[in-house]
C-alpha atoms as a PDB file:
ATOM      1  CA  UNK A   1      19.880 -31.090   3.568  1.00  0.00           C
ATOM      2  CA  UNK A   2      20.558 -28.524   0.844  1.00  0.00           C
ATOM      3  CA  UNK A   3      21.514 -25.635   3.119  1.00  0.00           C
ATOM      4  CA  UNK A   4      23.334 -25.305   6.403  1.00  0.00           C
ATOM      5  CA  UNK A   5      20.812 -24.448   9.124  1.00  0.00           C
ATOM      6  CA  UNK A   6      23.255 -22.006  10.715  1.00  0.00           C
ATOM      7  CA  UNK A   7      23.213 -19.967   7.487  1.00  0.00           C
ATOM      8  CA  UNK A   8      19.453 -19.384   7.608  1.00  0.00           C
ATOM      9  CA  UNK A   9      18.711 -15.790   8.606  1.00  0.00           C
ATOM     10  CA  UNK A  10      16.550 -12.823   7.715  1.00  0.00           C
ATOM     11  CA  UNK A  11      17.004  -9.105   8.177  1.00  0.00           C
ATOM     12  CA  UNK A  12      14.045  -7.445   9.896  1.00  0.00           C
ATOM     13  CA  UNK A  13      13.123  -3.937   8.793  1.00  0.00           C
ATOM     14  CA  UNK A  14       9.346  -3.638   8.436  1.00  0.00           C
ATOM     15  CA  UNK A  15       8.492  -1.637  11.551  1.00  0.00           C
ATOM     16  CA  UNK A  16       9.608  -0.335  14.928  1.00  0.00           C
ATOM     17  CA  UNK A  17       8.119  -0.450  18.412  1.00  0.00           C
ATOM     18  CA  UNK A  18       8.122   2.907  20.174  1.00  0.00           C
ATOM     19  CA  UNK A  19       6.927   2.931  23.793  1.00  0.00           C
ATOM     20  CA  UNK A  20       5.298   6.326  23.291  1.00  0.00           C
ATOM     21  CA  UNK A  21       2.873   4.720  20.835  1.00  0.00           C
ATOM     22  CA  UNK A  22       1.987   1.783  23.084  1.00  0.00           C
ATOM     23  CA  UNK A  23      -1.295   1.775  25.002  1.00  0.00           C
ATOM     24  CA  UNK A  24      -1.061   1.688  28.807  1.00  0.00           C
ATOM     25  CA  UNK A  25      -3.131  -1.499  28.881  1.00  0.00           C
ATOM     26  CA  UNK A  26      -1.315  -4.341  27.075  1.00  0.00           C
ATOM     27  CA  UNK A  27      -4.609  -6.027  26.162  1.00  0.00           C
ATOM     28  CA  UNK A  28      -5.530  -2.932  24.158  1.00  0.00           C
ATOM     29  CA  UNK A  29      -2.141  -2.931  22.458  1.00  0.00           C
ATOM     30  CA  UNK A  30      -2.449  -6.642  21.689  1.00  0.00           C
ATOM     31  CA  UNK A  31      -5.858  -5.989  20.135  1.00  0.00           C
ATOM     32  CA  UNK A  32      -4.340  -3.350  17.861  1.00  0.00           C
ATOM     33  CA  UNK A  33      -1.548  -5.660  16.738  1.00  0.00           C
ATOM     34  CA  UNK A  34      -4.027  -8.500  16.268  1.00  0.00           C
ATOM     35  CA  UNK A  35      -6.215  -6.313  14.032  1.00  0.00           C
ATOM     36  CA  UNK A  36      -3.154  -5.490  11.948  1.00  0.00           C
ATOM     37  CA  UNK A  37      -2.368  -9.213  11.659  1.00  0.00           C
ATOM     38  CA  UNK A  38      -5.974  -9.896  10.605  1.00  0.00           C
ATOM     39  CA  UNK A  39      -5.694  -7.393   7.771  1.00  0.00           C
ATOM     40  CA  UNK A  40      -2.256  -8.559   6.646  1.00  0.00           C
ATOM     41  CA  UNK A  41      -1.196 -11.724   4.855  1.00  0.00           C
ATOM     42  CA  UNK A  42      -0.912 -13.769   8.066  1.00  0.00           C
ATOM     43  CA  UNK A  43      -2.732 -17.028   7.298  1.00  0.00           C
ATOM     44  CA  UNK A  44      -3.892 -17.887  10.825  1.00  0.00           C
ATOM     45  CA  UNK A  45      -3.314 -14.859  13.050  1.00  0.00           C
ATOM     46  CA  UNK A  46      -5.142 -16.567  15.936  1.00  0.00           C
ATOM     47  CA  UNK A  47      -2.755 -19.546  15.964  1.00  0.00           C
ATOM     48  CA  UNK A  48      -0.741 -19.558  19.178  1.00  0.00           C
ATOM     49  CA  UNK A  49       1.742 -21.802  20.914  1.00  0.00           C
ATOM     50  CA  UNK A  50       0.390 -22.987  24.268  1.00  0.00           C
ATOM     51  CA  UNK A  51       3.093 -24.038  26.744  1.00  0.00           C
ATOM     52  CA  UNK A  52       2.283 -26.077  29.862  1.00  0.00           C
ATOM     53  CA  UNK A  53       4.188 -28.210  32.373  1.00  0.00           C
ATOM     54  CA  UNK A  54       3.502 -31.763  33.520  1.00  0.00           C
ATOM     55  CA  UNK A  55       3.648 -33.324  36.983  1.00  0.00           C
ATOM     56  CA  UNK A  56       7.465 -33.509  36.722  1.00  0.00           C
ATOM     57  CA  UNK A  57       7.640 -29.836  35.708  1.00  0.00           C
ATOM     58  CA  UNK A  58       8.687 -30.864  32.207  1.00  0.00           C
ATOM     59  CA  UNK A  59       7.430 -28.492  29.505  1.00  0.00           C
ATOM     60  CA  UNK A  60       5.087 -29.329  26.651  1.00  0.00           C
ATOM     61  CA  UNK A  61       3.979 -27.036  23.842  1.00  0.00           C
ATOM     62  CA  UNK A  62       1.556 -27.211  20.954  1.00  0.00           C
ATOM     63  CA  UNK A  63      -0.347 -24.921  18.593  1.00  0.00           C
ATOM     64  CA  UNK A  64      -3.964 -24.075  19.473  1.00  0.00           C
ATOM     65  CA  UNK A  65      -6.341 -21.381  18.223  1.00  0.00           C
ATOM     66  CA  UNK A  66      -7.395 -18.269  20.103  1.00  0.00           C
ATOM     67  CA  UNK A  67     -11.190 -18.141  20.034  1.00  0.00           C
ATOM     68  CA  UNK A  68     -11.886 -14.917  21.859  1.00  0.00           C
ATOM     69  CA  UNK A  69     -10.792 -12.205  24.263  1.00  0.00           C
ATOM     70  CA  UNK A  70     -13.311 -11.428  26.989  1.00  0.00           C
ATOM     71  CA  UNK A  71     -12.673  -8.937  29.791  1.00  0.00           C
ATOM     72  CA  UNK A  72      -8.958  -9.132  29.060  1.00  0.00           C
ATOM     73  CA  UNK A  73      -8.914 -12.949  29.207  1.00  0.00           C
ATOM     74  CA  UNK A  74      -7.675 -15.082  26.300  1.00  0.00           C
ATOM     75  CA  UNK A  75      -9.993 -17.967  25.448  1.00  0.00           C
ATOM     76  CA  UNK A  76      -9.364 -21.301  23.717  1.00  0.00           C
ATOM     77  CA  UNK A  77     -11.111 -24.673  23.587  1.00  0.00           C
ATOM     78  CA  UNK A  78      -9.848 -28.245  23.829  1.00  0.00           C
ATOM     79  CA  UNK A  79     -10.406 -31.668  25.345  1.00  0.00           C
ATOM     80  CA  UNK A  80     -10.129 -31.541  29.145  1.00  0.00           C
ATOM     81  CA  UNK A  81      -8.869 -35.155  29.179  1.00  0.00           C
ATOM     82  CA  UNK A  82      -6.036 -34.436  26.742  1.00  0.00           C
ATOM     83  CA  UNK A  83      -2.437 -34.119  27.880  1.00  0.00           C
ATOM     84  CA  UNK A  84      -2.669 -30.349  28.008  1.00  0.00           C
ATOM     85  CA  UNK A  85      -5.991 -30.573  29.844  1.00  0.00           C
ATOM     86  CA  UNK A  86      -4.504 -32.846  32.487  1.00  0.00           C
ATOM     87  CA  UNK A  87      -1.471 -30.583  32.842  1.00  0.00           C
ATOM     88  CA  UNK A  88      -3.612 -27.474  33.198  1.00  0.00           C
ATOM     89  CA  UNK A  89      -5.696 -29.242  35.843  1.00  0.00           C
ATOM     90  CA  UNK A  90      -2.567 -29.857  37.957  1.00  0.00           C
ATOM     91  CA  UNK A  91      -0.737 -26.638  37.086  1.00  0.00           C
ATOM     92  CA  UNK A  92      -3.278 -23.939  36.101  1.00  0.00           C
ATOM     93  CA  UNK A  93      -0.674 -21.617  34.625  1.00  0.00           C
ATOM     94  CA  UNK A  94       0.441 -21.320  31.022  1.00  0.00           C
ATOM     95  CA  UNK A  95       2.235 -19.245  28.436  1.00  0.00           C
ATOM     96  CA  UNK A  96       0.890 -18.464  24.972  1.00  0.00           C
ATOM     97  CA  UNK A  97       2.959 -17.116  22.076  1.00  0.00           C
ATOM     98  CA  UNK A  98       1.810 -15.542  18.824  1.00  0.00           C
ATOM     99  CA  UNK A  99       4.336 -15.314  15.972  1.00  0.00           C
ATOM    100  CA  UNK A 100       3.361 -13.257  12.951  1.00  0.00           C
ATOM    101  CA  UNK A 101       6.334 -13.729  10.636  1.00  0.00           C
ATOM    102  CA  UNK A 102       4.820 -11.580   7.905  1.00  0.00           C
ATOM    103  CA  UNK A 103       4.840  -8.606  10.298  1.00  0.00           C
ATOM    104  CA  UNK A 104       8.099  -9.622  12.007  1.00  0.00           C
ATOM    105  CA  UNK A 105       6.267  -9.638  15.332  1.00  0.00           C
ATOM    106  CA  UNK A 106       5.877 -11.889  18.332  1.00  0.00           C
ATOM    107  CA  UNK A 107       3.743 -11.596  21.462  1.00  0.00           C
ATOM    108  CA  UNK A 108       4.332 -13.692  24.574  1.00  0.00           C
ATOM    109  CA  UNK A 109       1.652 -13.788  27.287  1.00  0.00           C
ATOM    110  CA  UNK A 110       1.901 -15.591  30.621  1.00  0.00           C
ATOM    111  CA  UNK A 111      -0.905 -16.017  33.117  1.00  0.00           C
ATOM    112  CA  UNK A 112      -3.317 -18.070  35.175  1.00  0.00           C
ATOM    113  CA  UNK A 113      -5.731 -20.586  33.663  1.00  0.00           C
ATOM    114  CA  UNK A 114      -9.349 -21.354  34.534  1.00  0.00           C
ATOM    115  CA  UNK A 115     -12.122 -23.277  32.791  1.00  0.00           C
ATOM    116  CA  UNK A 116     -14.992 -21.328  31.282  1.00  0.00           C
ATOM    117  CA  UNK A 117     -18.577 -22.139  32.235  1.00  0.00           C
ATOM    118  CA  UNK A 118     -20.400 -25.052  30.651  1.00  0.00           C
ATOM    119  CA  UNK A 119     -22.764 -22.526  29.068  1.00  0.00           C
ATOM    120  CA  UNK A 120     -19.889 -20.724  27.325  1.00  0.00           C
ATOM    121  CA  UNK A 121     -18.475 -24.028  26.047  1.00  0.00           C
ATOM    122  CA  UNK A 122     -21.909 -25.116  24.824  1.00  0.00           C
ATOM    123  CA  UNK A 123     -22.474 -21.833  23.002  1.00  0.00           C
ATOM    124  CA  UNK A 124     -19.150 -22.068  21.166  1.00  0.00           C
ATOM    125  CA  UNK A 125     -19.579 -25.788  20.424  1.00  0.00           C
ATOM    126  CA  UNK A 126     -22.839 -24.991  18.593  1.00  0.00           C
ATOM    127  CA  UNK A 127     -20.956 -22.659  16.229  1.00  0.00           C
ATOM    128  CA  UNK A 128     -18.625 -25.434  15.067  1.00  0.00           C
ATOM    129  CA  UNK A 129     -19.315 -27.307  11.824  1.00  0.00           C
ATOM    130  CA  UNK A 130     -21.261 -30.551  12.265  1.00  0.00           C
ATOM    131  CA  UNK A 131     -18.250 -32.639  11.193  1.00  0.00           C
ATOM    132  CA  UNK A 132     -16.036 -30.916  13.777  1.00  0.00           C
ATOM    133  CA  UNK A 133     -18.584 -31.572  16.515  1.00  0.00           C
ATOM    134  CA  UNK A 134     -18.526 -35.260  15.575  1.00  0.00           C
ATOM    135  CA  UNK A 135     -14.731 -35.195  15.595  1.00  0.00           C
ATOM    136  CA  UNK A 136     -14.694 -33.868  19.159  1.00  0.00           C
ATOM    137  CA  UNK A 137     -17.086 -36.623  20.208  1.00  0.00           C
ATOM    138  CA  UNK A 138     -15.120 -39.362  18.424  1.00  0.00           C
ATOM    139  CA  UNK A 139     -11.654 -38.545  19.720  1.00  0.00           C
ATOM    140  CA  UNK A 140     -10.286 -39.478  23.139  1.00  0.00           C
ATOM    141  CA  UNK A 141      -7.603 -36.875  22.599  1.00  0.00           C
ATOM    142  CA  UNK A 142      -4.011 -37.841  23.446  1.00  0.00           C
ATOM    143  CA  UNK A 143      -4.978 -41.473  24.156  1.00  0.00           C
ATOM    144  CA  UNK A 144      -3.385 -44.221  22.056  1.00  0.00           C
ATOM    145  CA  UNK A 145      -5.274 -45.996  19.261  1.00  0.00           C
ATOM    146  CA  UNK A 146      -4.344 -49.149  17.344  1.00  0.00           C
ATOM    147  CA  UNK A 147      -4.518 -47.411  13.962  1.00  0.00           C
ATOM    148  CA  UNK A 148      -6.355 -44.648  12.109  1.00  0.00           C
ATOM    149  CA  UNK A 149      -8.939 -47.117  10.808  1.00  0.00           C
ATOM    150  CA  UNK A 150     -10.288 -47.605  14.329  1.00  0.00           C
ATOM    151  CA  UNK A 151     -10.697 -43.851  14.801  1.00  0.00           C
ATOM    152  CA  UNK A 152     -12.347 -43.372  11.408  1.00  0.00           C
ATOM    153  CA  UNK A 153     -14.744 -46.259  12.080  1.00  0.00           C
ATOM    154  CA  UNK A 154     -15.898 -44.613  15.309  1.00  0.00           C
ATOM    155  CA  UNK A 155     -16.192 -41.252  13.571  1.00  0.00           C
ATOM    156  CA  UNK A 156     -18.276 -42.642  10.710  1.00  0.00           C
ATOM    157  CA  UNK A 157     -20.587 -44.497  13.096  1.00  0.00           C
ATOM    158  CA  UNK A 158     -21.212 -41.274  15.032  1.00  0.00           C
ATOM    159  CA  UNK A 159     -21.682 -39.372  11.774  1.00  0.00           C
ATOM    160  CA  UNK A 160     -24.501 -41.715  10.791  1.00  0.00           C
ATOM    161  CA  UNK A 161     -26.001 -41.840  14.286  1.00  0.00           C
ATOM    162  CA  UNK A 162     -26.270 -38.056  14.664  1.00  0.00           C
ATOM    163  CA  UNK A 163     -27.282 -37.197  11.117  1.00  0.00           C
ATOM    164  CA  UNK A 164     -30.100 -34.659  11.402  1.00  0.00           C
ATOM    165  CA  UNK A 165     -29.728 -34.540  15.191  1.00  0.00           C
ATOM    166  CA  UNK A 166     -28.024 -32.266  17.683  1.00  0.00           C
ATOM    167  CA  UNK A 167     -24.569 -33.508  18.637  1.00  0.00           C
ATOM    168  CA  UNK A 168     -24.165 -33.466  22.449  1.00  0.00           C
ATOM    169  CA  UNK A 169     -21.338 -31.462  23.929  1.00  0.00           C
ATOM    170  CA  UNK A 170     -18.793 -34.046  25.141  1.00  0.00           C
ATOM    171  CA  UNK A 171     -18.416 -33.879  28.957  1.00  0.00           C
ATOM    172  CA  UNK A 172     -14.636 -33.695  28.579  1.00  0.00           C
ATOM    173  CA  UNK A 173     -14.623 -30.876  26.030  1.00  0.00           C
ATOM    174  CA  UNK A 174     -14.700 -27.162  26.745  1.00  0.00           C
ATOM    175  CA  UNK A 175     -12.925 -23.868  27.065  1.00  0.00           C
ATOM    176  CA  UNK A 176     -10.201 -22.251  29.113  1.00  0.00           C
ATOM    177  CA  UNK A 177      -9.351 -18.632  29.749  1.00  0.00           C
ATOM    178  CA  UNK A 178      -5.884 -17.300  30.441  1.00  0.00           C
ATOM    179  CA  UNK A 179      -5.806 -14.237  32.696  1.00  0.00           C
ATOM    180  CA  UNK A 180      -2.557 -12.425  31.843  1.00  0.00           C
ATOM    181  CA  UNK A 181       0.040 -11.447  34.421  1.00  0.00           C
ATOM    182  CA  UNK A 182       2.794 -10.661  31.905  1.00  0.00           C
ATOM    183  CA  UNK A 183       3.076  -9.557  28.271  1.00  0.00           C
ATOM    184  CA  UNK A 184       6.077  -9.150  26.017  1.00  0.00           C
ATOM    185  CA  UNK A 185       5.794  -7.525  22.595  1.00  0.00           C
ATOM    186  CA  UNK A 186       8.652  -8.165  20.158  1.00  0.00           C
ATOM    187  CA  UNK A 187       9.280  -6.320  16.903  1.00  0.00           C
ATOM    188  CA  UNK A 188      12.115  -7.460  14.648  1.00  0.00           C
ATOM    189  CA  UNK A 189      14.669  -4.738  13.814  1.00  0.00           C
ATOM    190  CA  UNK A 190      17.834  -4.424  11.755  1.00  0.00           C
ATOM    191  CA  UNK A 191      21.120  -5.844  13.019  1.00  0.00           C
ATOM    192  CA  UNK A 192      19.283  -7.925  15.637  1.00  0.00           C
ATOM    193  CA  UNK A 193      18.652  -4.810  17.744  1.00  0.00           C
ATOM    194  CA  UNK A 194      15.048  -5.882  18.170  1.00  0.00           C
ATOM    195  CA  UNK A 195      12.431  -3.918  20.092  1.00  0.00           C
ATOM    196  CA  UNK A 196      11.060  -5.630  23.210  1.00  0.00           C
ATOM    197  CA  UNK A 197       8.423  -4.072  25.446  1.00  0.00           C
ATOM    198  CA  UNK A 198       7.351  -5.952  28.564  1.00  0.00           C
ATOM    199  CA  UNK A 199       4.306  -5.418  30.782  1.00  0.00           C
ATOM    200  CA  UNK A 200       4.207  -6.830  34.327  1.00  0.00           C
ATOM    201  CA  UNK A 201       1.058  -6.776  36.448  1.00  0.00           C
ATOM    202  CA  UNK A 202       1.748  -5.145  39.832  1.00  0.00           C
ATOM    203  CA  UNK A 203      -1.464  -5.407  41.831  1.00  0.00           C
ATOM    204  CA  UNK A 204      -3.953  -3.913  39.408  1.00  0.00           C
ATOM    205  CA  UNK A 205      -1.420  -1.691  37.599  1.00  0.00           C
ATOM    206  CA  UNK A 206       0.559  -2.657  34.497  1.00  0.00           C
ATOM    207  CA  UNK A 207       4.244  -1.705  34.693  1.00  0.00           C
ATOM    208  CA  UNK A 208       5.864  -1.145  31.290  1.00  0.00           C
ATOM    209  CA  UNK A 209       9.551  -1.847  30.629  1.00  0.00           C
ATOM    210  CA  UNK A 210      11.802  -1.811  27.586  1.00  0.00           C
ATOM    211  CA  UNK A 211      14.044  -4.884  27.441  1.00  0.00           C
ATOM    212  CA  UNK A 212      17.344  -5.168  25.648  1.00  0.00           C
ATOM    213  CA  UNK A 213      17.315  -7.569  22.698  1.00  0.00           C
END
């Protein structure tokens, strides 16, 4: 290793987070920040860390892609039989985190999870490239496989079989929506005196708080 990890640091100075400029509804404020990320140099602004817990309450996390916000709910798609799918089935709560390094911003959102309708999953599945549809059909996500050759063989067989045909939506593939109960917006600042604004859902009212860094 060429550099000591403890010496890695950056000074944050691109922006500030003033509560007076924050919308009362955190979903609206998130949408504004997301638009700014879309029009910046952030490569995948919809990439988010999804954190879940297993049956032993041990955490797992992975990167997934946000695919929509509908009625204040954050939507993503995956394999229901995957590890995260099984964990969400047993513990339908999760936390998602967006980190936009180029803007020195982070958003953490915690909430309840529910599956979307089959119709919604079908509609999104039809927008995916043909090769990605085949990939979803070929993969028993999170299950072990002897080697990559076995997976590629199955994929290629399905590719040939469905050429010129409609690929069926796998029964174990679909969407989830996270209904937020908490938001935290983080803006990097100089001298590690970062701005943190938290929203907590109290009944049907969002309470806004400034947190110390």
